[in-house]
Amino acid sequence: MFLQLNHQKLHAYTLSRLLVKECYIVVKRFPPDERFALIQQIKRASLSVCLNIAEGASRKSEQERKRFYEIARGSIVEIDAAFDLANDLGYCSETDVTNLSPLMKQTFAILSKLITMDTGSPNFRNP
């Protein structure tokens, strides 16, 4: 927001911010007794995606950068599993999470590309 840094140029970062927002919107509909359980876990995991992308982009070492992107990608898997459980428990339906699906899939795909690509290559382009 205040600093103009590399992570703000990444499409994955932009998508992850939308993912956080959408997760927060969906979990508002969950029962209040989940406030300290599934709701907090989903919120933490969505924040982890965004913040690990930002931190990874600031790393000089390609190996370190990719590790943060791997953690972000793992958090997307965690969000997906949490929403599977929420669906099983009747807290949300597939319709409720319609906006989440493309955000999660796109962010996951871009992170996968960032992890496997040689970002030091002169041919590298921000996916």
Protein backbone atom coordinates (compact mmCIF):
# COMPACT_ATOMS: atom_id res chain seq x y z
CA MET A 1 0.00 0.00 0.00
CA PHE A 2 2.67 2.50 1.01
CA LEU A 3 5.68 0.89 -0.58
CA GLN A 4 5.90 0.19 -4.28
CA LEU A 5 7.39 -3.31 -4.15
CA ASN A 6 7.63 -6.35 -6.43
CA HIS A 7 4.70 -8.26 -4.96
CA GLN A 8 2.26 -5.56 -6.08
CA LYS A 9 3.21 -6.27 -9.68
CA LEU A 10 2.35 -9.98 -9.40
CA HIS A 11 -1.02 -11.11 -10.72
CA ALA A 12 -0.99 -13.82 -8.03
CA TYR A 13 -0.88 -11.11 -5.36
CA THR A 14 -3.83 -9.25 -6.89
CA LEU A 15 -5.85 -12.46 -7.07
CA SER A 16 -4.90 -13.43 -3.52
CA ARG A 17 -6.25 -10.13 -2.20
CA LEU A 18 -9.57 -10.89 -3.90
CA LEU A 19 -9.42 -14.41 -2.45
CA VAL A 20 -9.03 -13.03 1.08
CA LYS A 21 -11.97 -10.70 0.58
CA GLU A 22 -14.19 -13.47 -0.78
CA CYS A 23 -13.27 -15.86 2.06
CA TYR A 24 -14.20 -13.20 4.61
CA ILE A 25 -17.53 -12.64 2.86
CA VAL A 26 -18.44 -16.34 2.79
CA VAL A 27 -17.48 -17.14 6.40
CA LYS A 28 -19.67 -14.29 7.67
CA ARG A 29 -22.60 -16.62 6.92
CA PHE A 30 -21.20 -19.46 9.07
CA PRO A 31 -22.77 -20.15 12.47
CA PRO A 32 -21.40 -17.99 15.31
CA ASP A 33 -20.16 -21.05 17.21
CA GLU A 34 -17.58 -21.57 14.44
CA ARG A 35 -16.07 -18.14 15.19
CA PHE A 36 -12.98 -19.62 16.85
CA ALA A 37 -12.67 -22.75 14.74
CA LEU A 38 -13.35 -23.09 11.02
CA ILE A 39 -13.92 -19.37 10.45
CA GLN A 40 -10.56 -18.42 11.95
CA GLN A 41 -8.79 -21.23 10.12
CA ILE A 42 -10.13 -20.09 6.75
CA LYS A 43 -9.29 -16.47 7.49
CA ARG A 44 -5.74 -17.36 8.58
CA ALA A 45 -5.17 -19.57 5.55
CA SER A 46 -6.42 -16.92 3.13
CA LEU A 47 -4.21 -14.29 4.75
CA SER A 48 -1.31 -16.73 4.53
CA VAL A 49 -1.73 -16.96 0.76
CA CYS A 50 -1.55 -13.22 0.28
CA LEU A 51 1.18 -12.52 2.83
CA ASN A 52 3.46 -15.35 1.69
CA ILE A 53 3.23 -14.14 -1.89
CA ALA A 54 4.23 -10.67 -0.72
CA GLU A 55 7.08 -11.94 1.41
CA GLY A 56 8.30 -14.36 -1.24
CA ALA A 57 8.44 -11.64 -3.87
CA SER A 58 10.79 -9.64 -1.64
CA ARG A 59 13.34 -12.45 -1.32
CA LYS A 60 16.57 -12.19 -3.30
CA SER A 61 17.21 -15.93 -3.41
CA GLU A 62 15.13 -17.84 -5.96
CA GLN A 63 15.06 -20.83 -3.61
CA GLU A 64 13.65 -18.73 -0.76
CA ARG A 65 11.15 -17.03 -3.05
CA LYS A 66 9.84 -20.36 -4.31
CA ARG A 67 9.55 -21.69 -0.75
CA PHE A 68 7.21 -18.83 0.18
CA TYR A 69 5.18 -19.47 -2.97
CA GLU A 70 4.94 -23.16 -1.99
CA ILE A 71 3.63 -22.18 1.44
CA ALA A 72 1.06 -19.87 -0.22
CA ARG A 73 -0.01 -22.68 -2.53
CA GLY A 74 -0.35 -25.05 0.44
CA SER A 75 -2.63 -22.53 2.13
CA ILE A 76 -4.90 -22.61 -0.93
CA VAL A 77 -5.18 -26.39 -0.49
CA GLU A 78 -6.01 -25.78 3.17
CA ILE A 79 -8.79 -23.33 2.22
CA ASP A 80 -10.18 -25.84 -0.27
CA ALA A 81 -10.26 -28.60 2.37
CA ALA A 82 -11.86 -26.26 4.91
CA PHE A 83 -14.64 -25.39 2.51
CA ASP A 84 -15.15 -29.12 1.79
CA LEU A 85 -15.74 -29.57 5.52
CA ALA A 86 -17.94 -26.48 5.74
CA ASN A 87 -20.03 -27.86 2.91
CA ASP A 88 -20.26 -31.26 4.65
CA LEU A 89 -21.41 -29.50 7.83
CA GLY A 90 -24.03 -27.49 5.96
CA TYR A 91 -22.39 -24.10 6.57
CA CYS A 92 -22.19 -23.29 2.88
CA SER A 93 -23.20 -24.69 -0.46
CA GLU A 94 -21.36 -24.86 -3.75
CA THR A 95 -23.41 -21.85 -4.82
CA ASP A 96 -22.12 -19.86 -1.83
CA VAL A 97 -18.53 -20.41 -2.91
CA THR A 98 -19.01 -19.84 -6.64
CA ASN A 99 -16.76 -16.75 -6.64
CA LEU A 100 -14.04 -18.56 -4.68
CA SER A 101 -13.48 -21.35 -7.16
CA PRO A 102 -11.95 -19.34 -10.02
CA LEU A 103 -9.86 -17.24 -7.63
CA MET A 104 -8.43 -20.33 -5.96
CA LYS A 105 -7.78 -22.13 -9.25
CA GLN A 106 -6.11 -19.14 -10.92
CA THR A 107 -3.97 -18.29 -7.89
CA PHE A 108 -2.93 -21.93 -7.50
CA ALA A 109 -2.01 -22.17 -11.20
CA ILE A 110 0.02 -18.95 -11.17
CA LEU A 111 1.86 -19.98 -8.00
CA SER A 112 2.61 -23.37 -9.55
CA LYS A 113 4.09 -21.59 -12.55
CA LEU A 114 6.15 -19.26 -10.35
CA ILE A 115 7.49 -22.27 -8.44
CA THR A 116 8.51 -24.22 -11.53
CA MET A 117 9.77 -21.35 -13.68
CA ASP A 118 13.28 -19.99 -13.67
CA THR A 119 12.41 -16.45 -12.64
CA GLY A 120 16.01 -15.36 -13.11
CA SER A 121 15.78 -16.10 -16.81
CA PRO A 122 15.70 -13.11 -19.18
CA ASN A 123 12.63 -14.72 -20.80
CA PHE A 124 10.65 -14.69 -17.53
CA ARG A 125 7.34 -12.84 -17.65
CA ASN A 126 4.99 -12.32 -14.74
CA PRO A 127 2.33 -15.02 -15.21
